[in-house]
Amino acid sequence: ESLDLVVTVCGNAQENCPVYPAQVTALHWPFDDPADATGEDEEKMEFFRRVRGEIDQKIREYLGVRIHPEKA
Protein backbone atom coordinates (compact mmCIF):
# COMPACT_ATOMS: atom_id res chain seq x y z
CA GLU A 1 0.00 0.00 0.00
CA SER A 2 1.14 3.51 -0.66
CA LEU A 3 1.15 6.11 2.08
CA ASP A 4 0.96 9.87 1.82
CA LEU A 5 1.06 10.77 5.50
CA VAL A 6 2.33 9.22 8.71
CA VAL A 7 1.51 10.82 12.06
CA THR A 8 3.10 9.65 15.29
CA VAL A 9 1.54 10.77 18.56
CA CYS A 10 3.97 9.68 21.25
CA GLY A 11 7.72 9.63 21.67
CA ASN A 12 7.94 5.85 21.62
CA ALA A 13 6.21 5.70 18.24
CA GLN A 14 8.39 8.45 16.82
CA GLU A 15 11.55 6.65 17.90
CA ASN A 16 10.45 3.17 16.81
CA CYS A 17 8.55 3.80 13.57
CA PRO A 18 9.88 2.14 10.47
CA VAL A 19 11.56 4.26 7.83
CA TYR A 20 9.22 5.44 5.10
CA PRO A 21 10.03 6.53 1.56
CA ALA A 22 11.08 10.16 1.12
CA GLN A 23 7.78 11.14 -0.54
CA VAL A 24 5.81 10.32 2.63
CA THR A 25 5.01 13.27 4.85
CA ALA A 26 5.87 12.33 8.44
CA LEU A 27 4.54 14.45 11.29
CA HIS A 28 5.02 14.08 15.01
CA TRP A 29 2.30 15.41 17.29
CA PRO A 30 3.40 14.74 20.88
CA PHE A 31 0.56 13.92 23.26
CA ASP A 32 0.60 12.48 26.75
CA ASP A 33 0.33 8.70 26.62
CA PRO A 34 -2.99 7.55 28.11
CA ALA A 35 -1.28 4.33 29.18
CA ASP A 36 0.59 6.46 31.74
CA ALA A 37 -2.64 7.53 33.48
CA THR A 38 -2.69 6.89 37.22
CA GLY A 39 -5.23 7.15 40.00
CA GLU A 40 -8.76 5.88 40.37
CA ASP A 41 -10.72 4.67 37.34
CA GLU A 42 -12.50 8.02 36.89
CA GLU A 43 -9.17 9.90 37.01
CA LYS A 44 -7.75 7.56 34.38
CA MET A 45 -10.86 8.00 32.25
CA GLU A 46 -10.54 11.79 32.45
CA PHE A 47 -6.90 11.50 31.35
CA PHE A 48 -7.97 9.40 28.35
CA ARG A 49 -10.77 11.85 27.49
CA ARG A 50 -8.42 14.83 27.69
CA VAL A 51 -5.90 13.24 25.33
CA ARG A 52 -8.68 12.13 22.99
CA GLY A 53 -9.93 15.72 22.88
CA GLU A 54 -6.44 17.05 22.19
CA ILE A 55 -5.98 14.58 19.32
CA ASP A 56 -9.40 15.45 17.90
CA GLN A 57 -8.57 19.17 18.06
CA LYS A 58 -5.19 18.68 16.36
CA ILE A 59 -6.70 16.63 13.54
CA ARG A 60 -9.41 19.24 12.98
CA GLU A 61 -6.80 22.01 12.93
CA TYR A 62 -4.67 20.06 10.46
CA LEU A 63 -7.64 19.45 8.18
CA GLY A 64 -8.96 22.97 8.60
CA VAL A 65 -12.25 21.77 10.06
CA ARG A 66 -14.10 24.19 12.25
CA ILE A 67 -16.18 23.02 15.18
CA HIS A 68 -19.49 24.78 15.57
CA PRO A 69 -20.22 25.04 19.33
CA GLU A 70 -23.93 24.53 18.75
CA LYS A 71 -23.16 21.16 17.11
CA ALA A 72 -20.36 20.03 19.42
PDB file of N, CA and C in Angstrom:
ATOM      1  N   GLU A   1       0.832  -1.187   0.000  1.00  0.00           N
ATOM      2  CA  GLU A   1       0.000   0.000   0.000  1.00  0.00           C
ATOM      3  C   GLU A   1       0.872   1.244   0.000  1.00  0.00           C
ATOM      4  N   SER A   2       0.396   2.253  -0.663  1.00  0.00           N
ATOM      5  CA  SER A   2       1.143   3.508  -0.660  1.00  0.00           C
ATOM      6  C   SER A   2       0.603   4.409   0.447  1.00  0.00           C
ATOM      7  N   LEU A   3       1.503   5.187   1.005  1.00  0.00           N
ATOM      8  CA  LEU A   3       1.146   6.112   2.075  1.00  0.00           C
ATOM      9  C   LEU A   3       1.512   7.526   1.652  1.00  0.00           C
ATOM     10  N   ASP A   4       0.672   8.467   2.060  1.00  0.00           N
ATOM     11  CA  ASP A   4       0.959   9.873   1.820  1.00  0.00           C
ATOM     12  C   ASP A   4       1.381  10.580   3.096  1.00  0.00           C
ATOM     13  N   LEU A   5       0.872  10.089   4.226  1.00  0.00           N
ATOM     14  CA  LEU A   5       1.064  10.774   5.496  1.00  0.00           C
ATOM     15  C   LEU A   5       1.191   9.766   6.624  1.00  0.00           C
ATOM     16  N   VAL A   6       2.163  10.004   7.494  1.00  0.00           N
ATOM     17  CA  VAL A   6       2.329   9.215   8.713  1.00  0.00           C
ATOM     18  C   VAL A   6       2.373  10.203   9.864  1.00  0.00           C
ATOM     19  N   VAL A   7       1.533   9.960  10.880  1.00  0.00           N
ATOM     20  CA  VAL A   7       1.510  10.821  12.061  1.00  0.00           C
ATOM     21  C   VAL A   7       1.796   9.960  13.277  1.00  0.00           C
ATOM     22  N   THR A   8       2.833  10.318  14.018  1.00  0.00           N
ATOM     23  CA  THR A   8       3.099   9.651  15.290  1.00  0.00           C
ATOM     24  C   THR A   8       2.603  10.571  16.393  1.00  0.00           C
ATOM     25  N   VAL A   9       2.148   9.972  17.492  1.00  0.00           N
ATOM     26  CA  VAL A   9       1.542  10.775  18.555  1.00  0.00           C
ATOM     27  C   VAL A   9       2.201  10.590  19.921  1.00  0.00           C
ATOM     28  N   CYS A  10       3.232   9.793  19.991  1.00  0.00           N
ATOM     29  CA  CYS A  10       3.970   9.676  21.249  1.00  0.00           C
ATOM     30  C   CYS A  10       5.437   9.437  20.933  1.00  0.00           C
ATOM     31  N   GLY A  11       6.289   9.747  21.879  1.00  0.00           N
ATOM     32  CA  GLY A  11       7.723   9.633  21.670  1.00  0.00           C
ATOM     33  C   GLY A  11       8.168   8.240  21.284  1.00  0.00           C
ATOM     34  N   ASN A  12       7.574   7.235  21.908  1.00  0.00           N
ATOM     35  CA  ASN A  12       7.943   5.854  21.617  1.00  0.00           C
ATOM     36  C   ASN A  12       7.676   5.528  20.153  1.00  0.00           C
ATOM     37  N   ALA A  13       6.536   5.966  19.641  1.00  0.00           N
ATOM     38  CA  ALA A  13       6.212   5.700  18.237  1.00  0.00           C
ATOM     39  C   ALA A  13       7.176   6.432  17.318  1.00  0.00           C
ATOM     40  N   GLN A  14       7.488   7.675  17.666  1.00  0.00           N
ATOM     41  CA  GLN A  14       8.393   8.455  16.823  1.00  0.00           C
ATOM     42  C   GLN A  14       9.762   7.787  16.738  1.00  0.00           C
ATOM     43  N   GLU A  15      10.227   7.255  17.848  1.00  0.00           N
ATOM     44  CA  GLU A  15      11.549   6.646  17.899  1.00  0.00           C
ATOM     45  C   GLU A  15      11.587   5.274  17.238  1.00  0.00           C
ATOM     46  N   ASN A  16      10.459   4.550  17.259  1.00  0.00           N
ATOM     47  CA  ASN A  16      10.454   3.166  16.806  1.00  0.00           C
ATOM     48  C   ASN A  16       9.721   2.924  15.495  1.00  0.00           C
ATOM     49  N   CYS A  17       9.248   3.971  14.848  1.00  0.00           N
ATOM     50  CA  CYS A  17       8.551   3.800  13.566  1.00  0.00           C
ATOM     51  C   CYS A  17       9.523   3.338  12.505  1.00  0.00           C
ATOM     52  N   PRO A  18       9.011   2.537  11.580  1.00  0.00           N
ATOM     53  CA  PRO A  18       9.879   2.145  10.465  1.00  0.00           C
ATOM     54  C   PRO A  18      10.202   3.351   9.599  1.00  0.00           C
ATOM     55  N   VAL A  19      11.170   3.197   8.759  1.00  0.00           N
ATOM     56  CA  VAL A  19      11.563   4.260   7.829  1.00  0.00           C
ATOM     57  C   VAL A  19      10.619   4.200   6.636  1.00  0.00           C
ATOM     58  N   TYR A  20      10.121   5.360   6.241  1.00  0.00           N
ATOM     59  CA  TYR A  20       9.216   5.438   5.104  1.00  0.00           C
ATOM     60  C   TYR A  20       9.919   6.116   3.939  1.00  0.00           C
ATOM     61  N   PRO A  21       9.414   5.884   2.728  1.00  0.00           N
ATOM     62  CA  PRO A  21      10.027   6.531   1.556  1.00  0.00           C
ATOM     63  C   PRO A  21      10.010   8.052   1.698  1.00  0.00           C
ATOM     64  N   ALA A  22      10.911   8.708   1.014  1.00  0.00           N
ATOM     65  CA  ALA A  22      11.075  10.162   1.117  1.00  0.00           C
ATOM     66  C   ALA A  22       9.814  10.927   0.754  1.00  0.00           C
ATOM     67  N   GLN A  23       8.969  10.404  -0.120  1.00  0.00           N
ATOM     68  CA  GLN A  23       7.782  11.136  -0.539  1.00  0.00           C
ATOM     69  C   GLN A  23       6.656  11.110   0.496  1.00  0.00           C
ATOM     70  N   VAL A  24       6.819  10.373   1.569  1.00  0.00           N
ATOM     71  CA  VAL A  24       5.809  10.322   2.627  1.00  0.00           C
ATOM     72  C   VAL A  24       6.018  11.494   3.589  1.00  0.00           C
ATOM     73  N   THR A  25       4.947  12.213   3.857  1.00  0.00           N
ATOM     74  CA  THR A  25       5.009  13.273   4.849  1.00  0.00           C
ATOM     75  C   THR A  25       4.903  12.640   6.228  1.00  0.00           C
ATOM     76  N   ALA A  26       5.881  12.878   7.083  1.00  0.00           N
ATOM     77  CA  ALA A  26       5.869  12.327   8.440  1.00  0.00           C
ATOM     78  C   ALA A  26       5.776  13.483   9.434  1.00  0.00           C
ATOM     79  N   LEU A  27       4.749  13.431  10.267  1.00  0.00           N
ATOM     80  CA  LEU A  27       4.540  14.449  11.286  1.00  0.00           C
ATOM     81  C   LEU A  27       4.597  13.799  12.653  1.00  0.00           C
ATOM     82  N   HIS A  28       5.050  14.560  13.632  1.00  0.00           N
ATOM     83  CA  HIS A  28       5.021  14.078  15.013  1.00  0.00           C
ATOM     84  C   HIS A  28       4.232  15.078  15.841  1.00  0.00           C
ATOM     85  N   TRP A  29       3.142  14.602  16.416  1.00  0.00           N
ATOM     86  CA  TRP A  29       2.302  15.409  17.293  1.00  0.00           C
ATOM     87  C   TRP A  29       2.395  14.799  18.688  1.00  0.00           C
ATOM     88  N   PRO A  30       3.215  15.349  19.554  1.00  0.00           N
ATOM     89  CA  PRO A  30       3.399  14.741  20.879  1.00  0.00           C
ATOM     90  C   PRO A  30       2.191  14.965  21.797  1.00  0.00           C
ATOM     91  N   PHE A  31       1.646  13.883  22.279  1.00  0.00           N
ATOM     92  CA  PHE A  31       0.559  13.916  23.257  1.00  0.00           C
ATOM     93  C   PHE A  31       0.971  13.067  24.442  1.00  0.00           C
ATOM     94  N   ASP A  32       0.393  13.352  25.593  1.00  0.00           N
ATOM     95  CA  ASP A  32       0.600  12.482  26.745  1.00  0.00           C
ATOM     96  C   ASP A  32       0.078  11.096  26.389  1.00  0.00           C
ATOM     97  N   ASP A  33       0.742  10.072  26.887  1.00  0.00           N
ATOM     98  CA  ASP A  33       0.335   8.695  26.620  1.00  0.00           C
ATOM     99  C   ASP A  33      -0.725   8.276  27.624  1.00  0.00           C
ATOM    100  N   PRO A  34      -1.950   7.964  27.177  1.00  0.00           N
ATOM    101  CA  PRO A  34      -2.994   7.554  28.107  1.00  0.00           C
ATOM    102  C   PRO A  34      -2.628   6.317  28.926  1.00  0.00           C
ATOM    103  N   ALA A  35      -1.714   5.510  28.422  1.00  0.00           N
ATOM    104  CA  ALA A  35      -1.283   4.333  29.180  1.00  0.00           C
ATOM    105  C   ALA A  35      -0.551   4.730  30.455  1.00  0.00           C
ATOM    106  N   ASP A  36      -0.101   5.990  30.546  1.00  0.00           N
ATOM    107  CA  ASP A  36       0.594   6.464  31.738  1.00  0.00           C
ATOM    108  C   ASP A  36      -0.355   7.015  32.797  1.00  0.00           C
ATOM    109  N   ALA A  37      -1.664   6.989  32.531  1.00  0.00           N
ATOM    110  CA  ALA A  37      -2.641   7.527  33.480  1.00  0.00           C
ATOM    111  C   ALA A  37      -2.590   6.761  34.796  1.00  0.00           C
ATOM    112  N   THR A  38      -2.699   7.499  35.890  1.00  0.00           N
ATOM    113  CA  THR A  38      -2.686   6.888  37.221  1.00  0.00           C
ATOM    114  C   THR A  38      -3.901   7.363  38.004  1.00  0.00           C
ATOM    115  N   GLY A  39      -4.135   6.743  39.127  1.00  0.00           N
ATOM    116  CA  GLY A  39      -5.227   7.148  39.998  1.00  0.00           C
ATOM    117  C   GLY A  39      -6.401   6.194  39.902  1.00  0.00           C
ATOM    118  N   GLU A  40      -7.533   6.673  40.398  1.00  0.00           N
ATOM    119  CA  GLU A  40      -8.762   5.882  40.366  1.00  0.00           C
ATOM    120  C   GLU A  40      -9.267   5.794  38.922  1.00  0.00           C
ATOM    121  N   ASP A  41     -10.206   4.882  38.692  1.00  0.00           N
ATOM    122  CA  ASP A  41     -10.718   4.670  37.340  1.00  0.00           C
ATOM    123  C   ASP A  41     -11.230   5.960  36.701  1.00  0.00           C
ATOM    124  N   GLU A  42     -11.959   6.777  37.450  1.00  0.00           N
ATOM    125  CA  GLU A  42     -12.504   8.016  36.892  1.00  0.00           C
ATOM    126  C   GLU A  42     -11.386   8.990  36.527  1.00  0.00           C
ATOM    127  N   GLU A  43     -10.324   9.032  37.326  1.00  0.00           N
ATOM    128  CA  GLU A  43      -9.175   9.898  37.009  1.00  0.00           C
ATOM    129  C   GLU A  43      -8.482   9.426  35.731  1.00  0.00           C
ATOM    130  N   LYS A  44      -8.345   8.118  35.593  1.00  0.00           N
ATOM    131  CA  LYS A  44      -7.751   7.565  34.382  1.00  0.00           C
ATOM    132  C   LYS A  44      -8.625   7.873  33.172  1.00  0.00           C
ATOM    133  N   MET A  45      -9.937   7.732  33.352  1.00  0.00           N
ATOM    134  CA  MET A  45     -10.856   8.005  32.248  1.00  0.00           C
ATOM    135  C   MET A  45     -10.774   9.467  31.824  1.00  0.00           C
ATOM    136  N   GLU A  46     -10.661  10.373  32.775  1.00  0.00           N
ATOM    137  CA  GLU A  46     -10.542  11.794  32.455  1.00  0.00           C
ATOM    138  C   GLU A  46      -9.251  12.068  31.690  1.00  0.00           C
ATOM    139  N   PHE A  47      -8.183  11.392  32.065  1.00  0.00           N
ATOM    140  CA  PHE A  47      -6.904  11.504  31.346  1.00  0.00           C
ATOM    141  C   PHE A  47      -7.093  11.080  29.887  1.00  0.00           C
ATOM    142  N   PHE A  48      -7.717   9.899  29.695  1.00  0.00           N
ATOM    143  CA  PHE A  48      -7.969   9.401  28.349  1.00  0.00           C
ATOM    144  C   PHE A  48      -8.823  10.387  27.562  1.00  0.00           C
ATOM    145  N   ARG A  49      -9.875  10.915  28.180  1.00  0.00           N
ATOM    146  CA  ARG A  49     -10.768  11.848  27.491  1.00  0.00           C
ATOM    147  C   ARG A  49     -10.037  13.132  27.104  1.00  0.00           C
ATOM    148  N   ARG A  50      -9.175  13.616  27.983  1.00  0.00           N
ATOM    149  CA  ARG A  50      -8.421  14.825  27.688  1.00  0.00           C
ATOM    150  C   ARG A  50      -7.534  14.620  26.469  1.00  0.00           C
ATOM    151  N   VAL A  51      -6.800  13.515  26.459  1.00  0.00           N
ATOM    152  CA  VAL A  51      -5.899  13.237  25.331  1.00  0.00           C
ATOM    153  C   VAL A  51      -6.705  13.020  24.050  1.00  0.00           C
ATOM    154  N   ARG A  52      -7.822  12.324  24.158  1.00  0.00           N
ATOM    155  CA  ARG A  52      -8.682  12.129  22.987  1.00  0.00           C
ATOM    156  C   ARG A  52      -9.128  13.480  22.424  1.00  0.00           C
ATOM    157  N   GLY A  53      -9.522  14.385  23.305  1.00  0.00           N
ATOM    158  CA  GLY A  53      -9.934  15.715  22.876  1.00  0.00           C
ATOM    159  C   GLY A  53      -8.798  16.490  22.216  1.00  0.00           C
ATOM    160  N   GLU A  54      -7.601  16.371  22.763  1.00  0.00           N
ATOM    161  CA  GLU A  54      -6.442  17.054  22.186  1.00  0.00           C
ATOM    162  C   GLU A  54      -6.134  16.511  20.789  1.00  0.00           C
ATOM    163  N   ILE A  55      -6.232  15.191  20.625  1.00  0.00           N
ATOM    164  CA  ILE A  55      -5.982  14.578  19.322  1.00  0.00           C
ATOM    165  C   ILE A  55      -7.056  15.020  18.327  1.00  0.00           C
ATOM    166  N   ASP A  56      -8.298  15.012  18.751  1.00  0.00           N
ATOM    167  CA  ASP A  56      -9.396  15.452  17.905  1.00  0.00           C
ATOM    168  C   ASP A  56      -9.173  16.892  17.444  1.00  0.00           C
ATOM    169  N   GLN A  57      -8.811  17.764  18.375  1.00  0.00           N
ATOM    170  CA  GLN A  57      -8.569  19.169  18.058  1.00  0.00           C
ATOM    171  C   GLN A  57      -7.424  19.321  17.051  1.00  0.00           C
ATOM    172  N   LYS A  58      -6.348  18.587  17.250  1.00  0.00           N
ATOM    173  CA  LYS A  58      -5.185  18.679  16.358  1.00  0.00           C
ATOM    174  C   LYS A  58      -5.536  18.211  14.941  1.00  0.00           C
ATOM    175  N   ILE A  59      -6.290  17.131  14.848  1.00  0.00           N
ATOM    176  CA  ILE A  59      -6.701  16.626  13.535  1.00  0.00           C
ATOM    177  C   ILE A  59      -7.578  17.658  12.839  1.00  0.00           C
ATOM    178  N   ARG A  60      -8.519  18.231  13.566  1.00  0.00           N
ATOM    179  CA  ARG A  60      -9.406  19.237  12.980  1.00  0.00           C
ATOM    180  C   ARG A  60      -8.607  20.461  12.514  1.00  0.00           C
ATOM    181  N   GLU A  61      -7.644  20.887  13.322  1.00  0.00           N
ATOM    182  CA  GLU A  61      -6.797  22.015  12.926  1.00  0.00           C
ATOM    183  C   GLU A  61      -6.022  21.675  11.661  1.00  0.00           C
ATOM    184  N   TYR A  62      -5.459  20.481  11.615  1.00  0.00           N
ATOM    185  CA  TYR A  62      -4.672  20.058  10.460  1.00  0.00           C
ATOM    186  C   TYR A  62      -5.533  20.036   9.192  1.00  0.00           C
ATOM    187  N   LEU A  63      -6.748  19.552   9.329  1.00  0.00           N
ATOM    188  CA  LEU A  63      -7.645  19.447   8.185  1.00  0.00           C
ATOM    189  C   LEU A  63      -8.390  20.744   7.889  1.00  0.00           C
ATOM    190  N   GLY A  64      -8.268  21.709   8.783  1.00  0.00           N
ATOM    191  CA  GLY A  64      -8.963  22.970   8.597  1.00  0.00           C
ATOM    192  C   GLY A  64     -10.444  22.892   8.880  1.00  0.00           C
ATOM    193  N   VAL A  65     -10.838  21.953   9.712  1.00  0.00           N
ATOM    194  CA  VAL A  65     -12.250  21.773  10.056  1.00  0.00           C
ATOM    195  C   VAL A  65     -12.587  22.623  11.258  1.00  0.00           C
ATOM    196  N   ARG A  66     -13.657  23.359  11.134  1.00  0.00           N
ATOM    197  CA  ARG A  66     -14.104  24.193  12.255  1.00  0.00           C
ATOM    198  C   ARG A  66     -15.210  23.474  13.013  1.00  0.00           C
ATOM    199  N   ILE A  67     -15.150  23.589  14.327  1.00  0.00           N
ATOM    200  CA  ILE A  67     -16.181  23.020  15.182  1.00  0.00           C
ATOM    201  C   ILE A  67     -17.183  24.127  15.485  1.00  0.00           C
ATOM    202  N   HIS A  68     -18.443  23.834  15.227  1.00  0.00           N
ATOM    203  CA  HIS A  68     -19.489  24.785  15.569  1.00  0.00           C
ATOM    204  C   HIS A  68     -19.992  24.433  16.963  1.00  0.00           C
ATOM    205  N   PRO A  69     -19.841  25.347  17.947  1.00  0.00           N
ATOM    206  CA  PRO A  69     -20.224  25.044  19.329  1.00  0.00           C
ATOM    207  C   PRO A  69     -21.645  24.507  19.461  1.00  0.00           C
ATOM    208  N   GLU A  70     -22.539  24.990  18.636  1.00  0.00           N
ATOM    209  CA  GLU A  70     -23.932  24.525  18.748  1.00  0.00           C
ATOM    210  C   GLU A  70     -24.087  23.079  18.302  1.00  0.00           C
ATOM    211  N   LYS A  71     -23.106  22.536  17.579  1.00  0.00           N
ATOM    212  CA  LYS A  71     -23.157  21.157  17.114  1.00  0.00           C
ATOM    213  C   LYS A  71     -22.221  20.245  17.884  1.00  0.00           C
ATOM    214  N   ALA A  72     -21.371  20.829  18.706  1.00  0.00           N
ATOM    215  CA  ALA A  72     -20.363  20.029  19.419  1.00  0.00           C
ATOM    216  C   ALA A  72     -20.981  19.297  20.581  1.00  0.00           C
TER     217      ALA A  72
END
